[in-house]
Amino acid sequence: MDALLRNDLKDFNNILFQTVRTAEQHLSRIETLPPGRYIDGIEKMTLPKKGIGAINTLKYFEEHFAGQLANSAGPRYFGFVTGGSTPAAVAGDWLVSMYDQNACGSHDSIAPHIEHQTINFLKDLFGLHQEYFGTFVTGATLANFTSLALARQWVGEQTGTDFSNVGLSAASPLKVLSGTPHSSIFKSLSMLGIGRNALAKVPTLPGREAVDVTELEYVLKVNPAPLIVVANAGTVNTVDFDDLEEIGALKKRHNFWLHVDAAFGGFAACSGKYAHYTKGINYADSITIDAHKWLNVPYDSAMQFTRHKDLQLKVFQNTAAYLGDPSKSPDFFHYTPENSRRFRALPTWFTLMAYGKEGHREIVERNCEAAHYFGELIKNSSDFKLLAPVKMNVVCFTLTNDDLTMENIKIFLDAVRDDGQVFFTPTIYKNTPAIRAAISNWLTEREDIDIAYRVINSINKKIKSVQPT
């Protein structure tokens, strides 16, 4: 054994201890570390011939890199829809690395069985029927990819073609319908060979991001079946929800696959205040929900659910003599894009066991209350304009500048980021350059909203003071 490896094996406990110390230093500053940073790049080193060992590597990391990481797991990171990591989820994630299990197998480890149990917990949390089969993947993009792969297979089988074997070469163009699809839907369609142009946007309701179901039915009538419909349970700009019950009712009259992208909006089911938004989700053929968003577990983690386990097996089965009969195997490598993957379910199991339904309901409701509070501050401001009613945890607003452009928004947000207290991301809403405040961190309190509001007011005044009159 290499001498450095042998020494680190002997010193393993101390390495873990020092790693905890590094983590504690970060945790002690979580309220003050900048939630967003701009890092232009780092010097590219050549690989050293002789290593320096784990402890010295940890010290080098602390000295050169740790201080430049963004505090995206902190209470005032409002960019994208990013959760943090609850204490229990961190504990589970550290153990994932320590135990280093391949969670795709079935009976050679308890890991995949814990994943099945965790999926069962999640179906309970989200109000999904027990017949749904679920798996863990890396994020919403891969969950959408997996689900749309099943939808592609379903379309083929409706017309007597097994796309998983013969491919798309002989197929007529597939059509996908959606009102306000997330960008990951287009990416998934590209990767699947269906193509971005296969998606036809259906008109939305006036002043909303939710699809007009009457318009959707018209498109279903005039286009030959089978089709794929992507419904949205929580759009990224305004957390708008398609009417899943009305869309589900259309399945009685039209032949289409219903995929529900509920990456973070699915968490509405956790709260009696918001559960009505996800009513009808059980009409879905497939569903995407993220864990590293509102469940507040570490990256990367999401779930994909489907009523069509048989189609999932056809698409993702891994055929090899030593693996046995895929149709009789519970192994996840027959149902996910990966043949090997980390024990991704464990942090989710930890946080669900630790805090239960009530704990996660409280996070959702506290974040939504913070968003509504921020929305009221924006509504009553003369310098900012609220662009849409606050439904849940995202506030979509803009500047009241006469010459509003996306460049203005970016200059403003860069200054906010560089102030070091809060972080937002830009967007475009109904052709208007805008700002999104997505509040989904378990640490966020009303005081963080007050800080954020003070910062944006201060930055806005500074920018105005240097602009030519």
Protein backbone atom coordinates (compact mmCIF):
# COMPACT_ATOMS: atom_id res chain seq x y z
CA MET A 1 0.00 0.00 0.00
CA ASP A 2 1.18 3.52 -0.79
CA ALA A 3 2.75 5.12 2.29
CA LEU A 4 0.35 8.09 2.25
CA LEU A 5 -2.66 5.78 2.01
CA ARG A 6 -1.31 3.67 4.88
CA ASN A 7 -0.79 6.75 7.05
CA ASP A 8 -4.25 8.10 6.28
CA LEU A 9 -5.82 4.74 7.10
CA LYS A 10 -4.15 4.85 10.52
CA ASP A 11 -5.19 8.49 10.93
CA PHE A 12 -8.76 8.03 9.64
CA ASN A 13 -10.45 9.09 12.90
CA ASN A 14 -8.40 12.28 13.06
CA ILE A 15 -9.19 13.03 9.39
CA LEU A 16 -12.90 12.76 10.17
CA PHE A 17 -12.45 14.91 13.28
CA GLN A 18 -10.65 17.62 11.33
CA THR A 19 -13.31 17.50 8.62
CA VAL A 20 -15.98 18.07 11.27
CA ARG A 21 -13.94 21.03 12.53
CA THR A 22 -13.90 22.54 9.02
CA ALA A 23 -17.66 22.05 8.76
CA GLU A 24 -18.17 23.64 12.20
CA GLN A 25 -16.22 26.71 11.11
CA HIS A 26 -18.55 27.10 8.14
CA LEU A 27 -21.64 26.53 10.28
CA SER A 28 -20.56 29.16 12.83
CA ARG A 29 -20.59 31.78 10.04
CA ILE A 30 -23.73 30.68 8.19
CA GLU A 31 -25.58 33.88 9.15
CA THR A 32 -22.85 36.19 7.85
CA LEU A 33 -21.28 34.40 4.88
CA PRO A 34 -22.19 35.88 1.47
CA PRO A 35 -25.01 33.86 -0.09
CA GLY A 36 -23.78 34.74 -3.57
CA ARG A 37 -20.34 35.39 -5.05
CA TYR A 38 -18.68 36.10 -8.36
CA ILE A 39 -15.56 33.98 -8.90
CA ASP A 40 -13.84 34.68 -12.21
CA GLY A 41 -11.73 31.51 -12.11
CA ILE A 42 -8.79 29.83 -10.42
CA GLU A 43 -5.26 28.98 -11.45
CA LYS A 44 -5.08 25.59 -13.15
CA MET A 45 -2.48 23.42 -11.42
CA THR A 46 -0.76 20.33 -12.75
CA LEU A 47 -1.30 17.12 -10.81
CA PRO A 48 1.52 16.61 -8.28
CA LYS A 49 3.58 13.47 -8.71
CA LYS A 50 3.58 12.89 -4.96
CA GLY A 51 0.51 13.63 -2.88
CA ILE A 52 0.38 15.57 0.38
CA GLY A 53 -2.02 13.36 2.36
CA ALA A 54 -5.57 13.98 3.56
CA ILE A 55 -4.86 16.41 6.42
CA ASN A 56 -2.62 18.66 4.34
CA THR A 57 -5.14 18.53 1.50
CA LEU A 58 -7.88 19.59 3.90
CA LYS A 59 -5.71 22.50 5.07
CA TYR A 60 -5.00 23.53 1.47
CA PHE A 61 -8.73 23.44 0.71
CA GLU A 62 -9.47 25.62 3.76
CA GLU A 63 -6.81 28.16 2.83
CA HIS A 64 -7.51 28.45 -0.89
CA PHE A 65 -11.10 27.40 -1.61
CA ALA A 66 -13.41 27.24 1.41
CA GLY A 67 -13.61 31.00 1.84
CA GLN A 68 -14.75 31.48 -1.75
CA LEU A 69 -17.73 29.12 -1.68
CA ALA A 70 -21.19 30.68 -1.81
CA ASN A 71 -23.43 30.22 1.21
CA SER A 72 -26.21 28.83 -0.97
CA ALA A 73 -27.41 26.67 1.92
CA GLY A 74 -27.94 29.75 4.09
CA PRO A 75 -31.13 31.62 5.04
CA ARG A 76 -30.88 34.50 2.53
CA TYR A 77 -30.08 32.63 -0.69
CA PHE A 78 -33.22 33.34 -2.72
CA GLY A 79 -31.88 32.36 -6.14
CA PHE A 80 -33.45 29.61 -8.25
CA VAL A 81 -35.45 27.35 -5.88
CA THR A 82 -32.73 26.14 -3.55
CA GLY A 83 -33.21 24.55 -0.17
CA GLY A 84 -30.47 24.05 2.37
CA SER A 85 -29.72 20.88 4.31
CA THR A 86 -31.42 20.09 7.61
CA PRO A 87 -29.14 18.74 10.37
CA ALA A 88 -30.61 15.26 9.97
CA ALA A 89 -30.14 15.35 6.19
CA VAL A 90 -26.48 16.33 6.60
CA ALA A 91 -25.96 13.43 9.01
CA GLY A 92 -27.50 11.04 6.51
CA ASP A 93 -25.45 12.45 3.64
CA TRP A 94 -22.16 12.09 5.52
CA LEU A 95 -23.02 8.46 6.21
CA VAL A 96 -23.79 7.90 2.53
CA SER A 97 -20.14 8.68 1.77
CA MET A 98 -18.85 6.65 4.70
CA TYR A 99 -20.81 3.50 3.87
CA ASP A 100 -20.37 3.99 0.10
CA GLN A 101 -23.19 1.66 -0.99
CA ASN A 102 -24.27 1.10 -4.57
CA ALA A 103 -28.01 1.57 -4.10
CA CYS A 104 -28.98 -0.02 -7.41
CA GLY A 105 -28.82 -3.61 -6.14
CA SER A 106 -31.52 -5.41 -4.18
CA HIS A 107 -30.51 -8.14 -1.74
CA ASP A 108 -26.78 -7.62 -1.25
CA SER A 109 -27.40 -4.55 0.94
CA ILE A 110 -30.27 -2.98 2.86
CA ALA A 111 -29.66 0.32 0.97
CA PRO A 112 -32.23 -0.19 -1.85
CA HIS A 113 -34.79 -1.47 0.67
CA ILE A 114 -34.41 1.78 2.63
CA GLU A 115 -34.97 3.59 -0.67
CA HIS A 116 -38.24 1.72 -1.16
CA GLN A 117 -39.25 2.67 2.39
CA THR A 118 -38.31 6.30 1.76
CA ILE A 119 -40.37 6.38 -1.44
CA ASN A 120 -43.27 5.04 0.63
CA PHE A 121 -42.81 7.88 3.13
CA LEU A 122 -42.80 10.39 0.28
CA LYS A 123 -45.98 9.03 -1.29
CA ASP A 124 -47.61 9.56 2.10
CA LEU A 125 -46.17 13.08 2.40
CA PHE A 126 -47.33 14.12 -1.09
CA GLY A 127 -50.69 12.33 -1.03
CA LEU A 128 -49.80 9.99 -3.90
CA HIS A 129 -51.66 6.72 -4.39
CA GLN A 130 -49.83 3.58 -3.36
CA GLU A 131 -49.75 2.17 -6.91
CA TYR A 132 -47.09 4.69 -7.90
CA PHE A 133 -43.62 3.26 -8.35
CA GLY A 134 -40.85 5.67 -7.38
CA THR A 135 -37.11 6.05 -7.76
CA PHE A 136 -34.42 8.55 -6.76
CA VAL A 137 -32.48 10.42 -9.43
CA THR A 138 -30.14 13.40 -9.38
CA GLY A 139 -32.60 16.25 -9.87
CA ALA A 140 -35.71 17.52 -11.64
CA THR A 141 -34.00 17.43 -15.04
CA LEU A 142 -33.27 13.73 -14.81
CA ALA A 143 -36.66 13.05 -13.21
CA ASN A 144 -38.33 14.78 -16.16
CA PHE A 145 -36.01 12.94 -18.55
CA THR A 146 -36.93 9.57 -17.00
CA SER A 147 -40.65 10.31 -17.06
CA LEU A 148 -40.63 11.59 -20.63
CA ALA A 149 -38.71 8.47 -21.66
CA LEU A 150 -41.67 6.46 -20.35
CA ALA A 151 -44.08 8.78 -22.16
CA ARG A 152 -42.12 8.22 -25.39
CA GLN A 153 -42.35 4.45 -24.90
CA TRP A 154 -46.09 4.72 -24.18
CA VAL A 155 -46.70 6.71 -27.38
CA GLY A 156 -44.85 4.06 -29.37
CA GLU A 157 -46.84 1.20 -27.87
CA GLN A 158 -50.11 3.01 -28.64
CA THR A 159 -49.14 2.74 -32.30
CA GLY A 160 -47.55 -0.71 -32.13
CA THR A 161 -43.88 0.37 -31.97
CA ASP A 162 -41.38 -0.53 -29.26
CA PHE A 163 -39.15 2.55 -29.25
CA SER A 164 -36.87 1.04 -26.63
CA ASN A 165 -35.70 -1.49 -29.21
CA VAL A 166 -36.25 0.02 -32.66
CA GLY A 167 -35.67 3.68 -31.82
CA LEU A 168 -37.43 6.73 -33.20
CA SER A 169 -36.23 6.52 -36.80
CA ALA A 170 -39.49 5.13 -38.18
CA ALA A 171 -41.75 7.19 -35.93
CA SER A 172 -44.04 10.02 -36.84
CA PRO A 173 -43.13 13.23 -34.97
CA LEU A 174 -44.18 13.13 -31.33
CA LYS A 175 -46.12 16.13 -30.00
CA VAL A 176 -45.80 17.48 -26.45
CA LEU A 177 -48.18 20.10 -25.02
CA SER A 178 -47.63 22.44 -22.09
CA GLY A 179 -48.55 25.91 -20.89
CA THR A 180 -45.44 27.17 -19.09
CA PRO A 181 -42.87 24.37 -19.30
CA HIS A 182 -39.66 24.50 -17.29
CA SER A 183 -36.43 24.68 -19.29
CA SER A 184 -35.53 21.14 -18.19
CA ILE A 185 -38.45 19.81 -20.26
CA PHE A 186 -36.84 21.15 -23.44
CA LYS A 187 -33.47 19.73 -22.40
CA SER A 188 -35.03 16.33 -21.73
CA LEU A 189 -36.82 16.30 -25.09
CA SER A 190 -33.51 17.05 -26.79
CA MET A 191 -31.68 14.25 -24.97
CA LEU A 192 -34.47 11.77 -25.72
CA GLY A 193 -34.37 12.40 -29.47
CA ILE A 194 -37.91 13.76 -29.41
CA GLY A 195 -36.56 17.25 -30.00
CA ARG A 196 -37.21 20.64 -28.47
CA ASN A 197 -39.46 21.61 -31.37
CA ALA A 198 -41.87 18.83 -30.45
CA LEU A 199 -43.22 20.99 -27.63
CA ALA A 200 -46.17 23.16 -28.55
CA LYS A 201 -47.05 25.84 -26.02
CA VAL A 202 -50.73 26.03 -25.17
CA PRO A 203 -52.16 29.47 -24.25
CA THR A 204 -52.34 30.26 -20.55
CA LEU A 205 -55.10 31.92 -18.57
CA PRO A 206 -55.14 35.75 -18.65
CA GLY A 207 -52.51 37.14 -16.26
CA ARG A 208 -51.51 33.61 -15.23
CA GLU A 209 -48.89 30.98 -16.03
CA ALA A 210 -51.47 28.20 -15.70
CA VAL A 211 -52.62 26.54 -18.90
CA ASP A 212 -56.08 27.36 -20.26
CA VAL A 213 -57.72 23.93 -20.10
CA THR A 214 -60.30 24.88 -22.75
CA GLU A 215 -57.46 25.71 -25.14
CA LEU A 216 -55.70 22.50 -24.16
CA GLU A 217 -58.77 20.43 -25.01
CA TYR A 218 -59.06 22.16 -28.37
CA VAL A 219 -55.45 21.25 -29.21
CA LEU A 220 -56.09 17.67 -28.09
CA LYS A 221 -59.13 17.49 -30.39
CA VAL A 222 -57.40 18.77 -33.52
CA ASN A 223 -54.19 16.74 -33.13
CA PRO A 224 -54.13 12.99 -33.61
CA ALA A 225 -53.54 10.95 -30.48
CA PRO A 226 -51.49 9.78 -28.74
CA LEU A 227 -49.97 12.96 -27.27
CA ILE A 228 -47.90 13.91 -24.22
CA VAL A 229 -49.13 16.66 -21.88
CA VAL A 230 -46.75 18.24 -19.36
CA ALA A 231 -48.72 19.90 -16.57
CA ASN A 232 -47.08 22.27 -14.12
CA ALA A 233 -47.52 22.13 -10.38
CA GLY A 234 -45.64 25.24 -9.38
CA THR A 235 -44.08 27.40 -12.10
CA VAL A 236 -40.70 28.93 -11.26
CA ASN A 237 -41.73 32.58 -11.65
CA THR A 238 -45.02 32.68 -9.76
CA VAL A 239 -45.65 29.14 -8.37
CA ASP A 240 -48.74 28.88 -10.56
CA PHE A 241 -50.51 25.54 -10.84
CA ASP A 242 -52.33 24.02 -13.76
CA ASP A 243 -55.77 22.70 -12.84
CA LEU A 244 -54.78 19.05 -12.45
CA GLU A 245 -58.33 17.89 -11.81
CA GLU A 246 -59.65 19.43 -15.03
CA ILE A 247 -56.69 18.11 -17.02
CA GLY A 248 -57.16 14.69 -15.44
CA ALA A 249 -60.82 14.72 -16.48
CA LEU A 250 -59.70 15.25 -20.10
CA LYS A 251 -58.07 11.81 -20.00
CA LYS A 252 -61.56 10.30 -20.09
CA ARG A 253 -62.14 11.90 -23.50
CA HIS A 254 -58.66 12.04 -25.03
CA ASN A 255 -55.74 9.65 -25.26
CA PHE A 256 -52.62 11.32 -23.80
CA TRP A 257 -49.84 10.72 -21.30
CA LEU A 258 -50.00 13.16 -18.38
CA HIS A 259 -46.69 14.14 -16.82
CA VAL A 260 -46.82 16.51 -13.84
CA ASP A 261 -43.72 18.60 -13.19
CA ALA A 262 -44.08 19.30 -9.46
CA ALA A 263 -40.39 19.86 -8.76
CA PHE A 264 -41.10 22.10 -5.78
CA GLY A 265 -44.84 22.77 -6.08
CA GLY A 266 -45.54 19.20 -5.00
CA PHE A 267 -44.71 20.32 -1.48
CA ALA A 268 -48.01 22.21 -1.39
CA ALA A 269 -49.45 18.85 -0.36
CA CYS A 270 -47.60 19.12 2.97
CA SER A 271 -49.86 21.93 4.17
CA GLY A 272 -53.60 22.16 4.62
CA LYS A 273 -53.33 25.79 3.48
CA TYR A 274 -51.94 24.87 0.07
CA ALA A 275 -52.84 21.21 -0.57
CA HIS A 276 -55.74 22.22 -2.84
CA TYR A 277 -53.20 23.27 -5.47
CA THR A 278 -52.11 19.65 -6.00
CA LYS A 279 -55.62 18.21 -6.03
CA GLY A 280 -55.84 15.88 -9.02
CA ILE A 281 -52.15 14.97 -9.07
CA ASN A 282 -53.07 11.29 -8.91
CA TYR A 283 -54.35 11.48 -12.49
CA ALA A 284 -50.70 11.71 -13.55
CA ASP A 285 -48.95 8.93 -15.43
CA SER A 286 -45.63 10.29 -14.15
CA ILE A 287 -44.52 12.92 -11.65
CA THR A 288 -41.33 14.84 -10.88
CA ILE A 289 -40.57 16.16 -7.37
CA ASP A 290 -37.22 17.47 -6.11
CA ALA A 291 -35.75 16.67 -2.70
CA HIS A 292 -32.87 19.16 -2.77
CA LYS A 293 -35.38 21.97 -3.12
CA TRP A 294 -38.05 22.18 -0.45
CA LEU A 295 -37.26 18.96 1.40
CA ASN A 296 -33.91 20.57 2.25
CA VAL A 297 -31.60 17.63 1.67
CA PRO A 298 -28.13 18.02 0.09
CA TYR A 299 -27.57 18.08 -3.65
CA ASP A 300 -28.21 16.04 -5.66
CA SER A 301 -31.57 14.41 -5.02
CA ALA A 302 -34.98 14.13 -6.70
CA MET A 303 -37.76 11.60 -7.12
CA GLN A 304 -39.60 10.30 -10.14
CA PHE A 305 -42.94 8.52 -9.76
CA THR A 306 -45.01 6.56 -12.29
CA ARG A 307 -48.06 4.35 -12.58
CA HIS A 308 -46.31 2.42 -15.37
CA LYS A 309 -43.54 0.38 -13.81
CA ASP A 310 -43.70 -2.04 -16.73
CA LEU A 311 -42.80 0.70 -19.20
CA GLN A 312 -40.00 1.89 -16.95
CA LEU A 313 -38.54 -1.63 -17.03
CA LYS A 314 -38.73 -1.74 -20.84
CA VAL A 315 -36.89 1.56 -21.19
CA PHE A 316 -34.19 1.15 -18.55
CA GLN A 317 -33.66 -2.60 -18.15
CA ASN A 318 -30.05 -3.67 -18.05
CA THR A 319 -29.62 -6.98 -19.84
CA ALA A 320 -26.68 -9.12 -18.80
CA ALA A 321 -26.54 -12.85 -18.12
CA TYR A 322 -25.32 -12.44 -14.53
CA LEU A 323 -28.23 -10.10 -13.69
CA GLY A 324 -30.97 -12.68 -14.21
CA ASP A 325 -34.48 -12.04 -15.49
CA PRO A 326 -35.10 -8.24 -15.42
CA SER A 327 -38.87 -8.65 -15.14
CA LYS A 328 -38.43 -10.55 -11.86
CA SER A 329 -35.74 -8.31 -10.43
CA PRO A 330 -36.38 -5.46 -7.95
CA ASP A 331 -32.98 -3.94 -8.72
CA PHE A 332 -33.05 -0.21 -9.41
CA PHE A 333 -30.56 -0.48 -12.24
CA HIS A 334 -33.46 -1.88 -14.28
CA TYR A 335 -35.54 1.23 -13.60
CA THR A 336 -33.17 4.22 -13.60
CA PRO A 337 -30.70 5.70 -16.10
CA GLU A 338 -27.79 4.66 -13.85
CA ASN A 339 -26.41 1.19 -13.30
CA SER A 340 -24.52 2.49 -10.28
CA ARG A 341 -25.47 5.32 -7.96
CA ARG A 342 -24.87 6.50 -4.44
CA PHE A 343 -27.22 5.77 -1.55
CA ARG A 344 -29.11 8.95 -2.41
CA ALA A 345 -32.26 8.08 -0.43
CA LEU A 346 -30.58 8.05 2.99
CA PRO A 347 -30.51 11.84 3.67
CA THR A 348 -34.21 11.98 2.75
CA TRP A 349 -34.98 9.06 5.05
CA PHE A 350 -33.07 10.82 7.84
CA THR A 351 -34.90 14.14 7.49
CA LEU A 352 -38.33 12.51 7.16
CA MET A 353 -37.75 10.36 10.22
CA ALA A 354 -36.27 13.24 12.19
CA TYR A 355 -38.93 15.88 11.53
CA GLY A 356 -41.94 13.98 10.19
CA LYS A 357 -44.96 15.48 8.46
CA GLU A 358 -45.30 18.28 10.98
CA GLY A 359 -41.71 19.45 10.69
CA HIS A 360 -41.83 19.65 6.92
CA ARG A 361 -45.26 21.28 6.95
CA GLU A 362 -43.81 23.96 9.24
CA ILE A 363 -40.91 24.66 6.85
CA VAL A 364 -43.29 25.04 3.89
CA GLU A 365 -45.70 27.31 5.76
CA ARG A 366 -42.95 29.45 7.33
CA ASN A 367 -41.32 29.96 3.92
CA CYS A 368 -44.67 30.88 2.38
CA GLU A 369 -45.41 33.34 5.18
CA ALA A 370 -42.00 34.93 4.60
CA ALA A 371 -42.72 35.22 0.87
CA HIS A 372 -46.13 36.82 1.48
CA TYR A 373 -44.52 39.27 3.90
CA PHE A 374 -41.87 40.18 1.33
CA GLY A 375 -44.59 40.55 -1.30
CA GLU A 376 -46.43 43.07 0.89
CA LEU A 377 -43.22 45.07 1.37
CA ILE A 378 -42.70 45.15 -2.40
CA LYS A 379 -46.34 46.03 -3.05
CA ASN A 380 -46.12 49.06 -0.76
CA SER A 381 -42.84 50.30 -2.26
CA SER A 382 -42.53 53.07 -4.84
CA ASP A 383 -39.17 51.71 -6.08
CA PHE A 384 -40.29 48.16 -6.80
CA LYS A 385 -43.32 46.61 -8.45
CA LEU A 386 -44.92 43.26 -7.67
CA LEU A 387 -45.60 41.52 -10.98
CA ALA A 388 -47.85 38.69 -9.79
CA PRO A 389 -49.74 37.76 -6.64
CA VAL A 390 -47.68 35.72 -4.18
CA LYS A 391 -49.18 32.23 -4.15
CA MET A 392 -46.63 30.34 -2.07
CA ASN A 393 -42.87 30.84 -1.74
CA VAL A 394 -41.75 32.85 -4.79
CA VAL A 395 -42.00 36.63 -5.14
CA CYS A 396 -41.73 37.95 -8.70
CA PHE A 397 -41.04 41.69 -8.84
CA THR A 398 -39.16 44.33 -10.77
CA LEU A 399 -37.73 47.83 -10.61
CA THR A 400 -39.91 50.85 -11.37
CA ASN A 401 -37.27 52.40 -13.64
CA ASP A 402 -38.63 54.15 -16.74
CA ASP A 403 -35.91 52.55 -18.90
CA LEU A 404 -36.26 49.04 -17.50
CA THR A 405 -34.08 46.49 -19.30
CA MET A 406 -32.59 43.13 -18.44
CA GLU A 407 -29.23 44.90 -18.31
CA ASN A 408 -30.59 47.20 -15.58
CA ILE A 409 -31.79 44.16 -13.65
CA LYS A 410 -28.41 42.45 -13.94
CA ILE A 411 -26.50 45.56 -12.81
CA PHE A 412 -28.83 45.87 -9.84
CA LEU A 413 -28.56 42.19 -8.89
CA ASP A 414 -24.78 42.17 -9.25
CA ALA A 415 -24.63 45.04 -6.75
CA VAL A 416 -27.00 43.19 -4.40
CA ARG A 417 -24.83 40.07 -4.64
CA ASP A 418 -21.63 42.00 -4.00
CA ASP A 419 -23.16 43.56 -0.88
CA GLY A 420 -22.87 40.02 0.54
CA GLN A 421 -26.11 39.67 2.49
CA VAL A 422 -28.71 38.34 0.06
CA PHE A 423 -28.89 36.68 -3.37
CA PHE A 424 -31.59 36.78 -6.06
CA THR A 425 -31.74 35.66 -9.69
CA PRO A 426 -33.13 37.50 -12.73
CA THR A 427 -36.00 36.31 -14.87
CA ILE A 428 -38.46 37.47 -17.51
CA TYR A 429 -42.15 37.46 -16.66
CA LYS A 430 -44.70 38.25 -19.38
CA ASN A 431 -41.92 39.93 -21.40
CA THR A 432 -40.91 42.10 -18.43
CA PRO A 433 -37.34 41.91 -17.04
CA ALA A 434 -37.81 40.84 -13.45
CA ILE A 435 -36.36 39.47 -10.21
CA ARG A 436 -37.27 36.25 -8.43
CA ALA A 437 -37.08 35.71 -4.71
CA ALA A 438 -37.49 31.97 -4.14
CA ILE A 439 -37.73 31.23 -0.42
CA SER A 440 -37.28 27.53 0.35
CA ASN A 441 -34.60 27.26 3.05
CA TRP A 442 -35.36 25.72 6.43
CA LEU A 443 -33.40 28.49 8.20
CA THR A 444 -35.20 31.50 6.71
CA GLU A 445 -37.12 33.69 9.17
CA ARG A 446 -38.95 37.02 8.85
CA GLU A 447 -35.79 38.82 10.02
CA ASP A 448 -34.02 37.59 6.86
CA ILE A 449 -36.74 39.20 4.76
CA ASP A 450 -36.26 42.51 6.59
CA ILE A 451 -32.51 42.33 5.87
CA ALA A 452 -33.18 41.54 2.20
CA TYR A 453 -35.60 44.45 1.85
CA ARG A 454 -33.17 46.88 3.47
CA VAL A 455 -30.43 45.72 1.10
CA ILE A 456 -32.41 46.13 -2.12
CA ASN A 457 -33.59 49.58 -1.04
CA SER A 458 -30.06 50.64 -0.16
CA ILE A 459 -28.61 49.35 -3.44
CA ASN A 460 -31.38 50.96 -5.45
CA LYS A 461 -30.69 54.36 -3.85
CA LYS A 462 -26.94 54.04 -4.50
CA ILE A 463 -27.50 53.23 -8.17
CA LYS A 464 -29.95 56.08 -8.60
CA SER A 465 -27.55 58.52 -6.93
CA VAL A 466 -24.84 57.92 -9.57
CA GLN A 467 -27.12 57.86 -12.59
CA PRO A 468 -27.09 60.96 -14.79
CA THR A 469 -30.15 63.16 -14.40
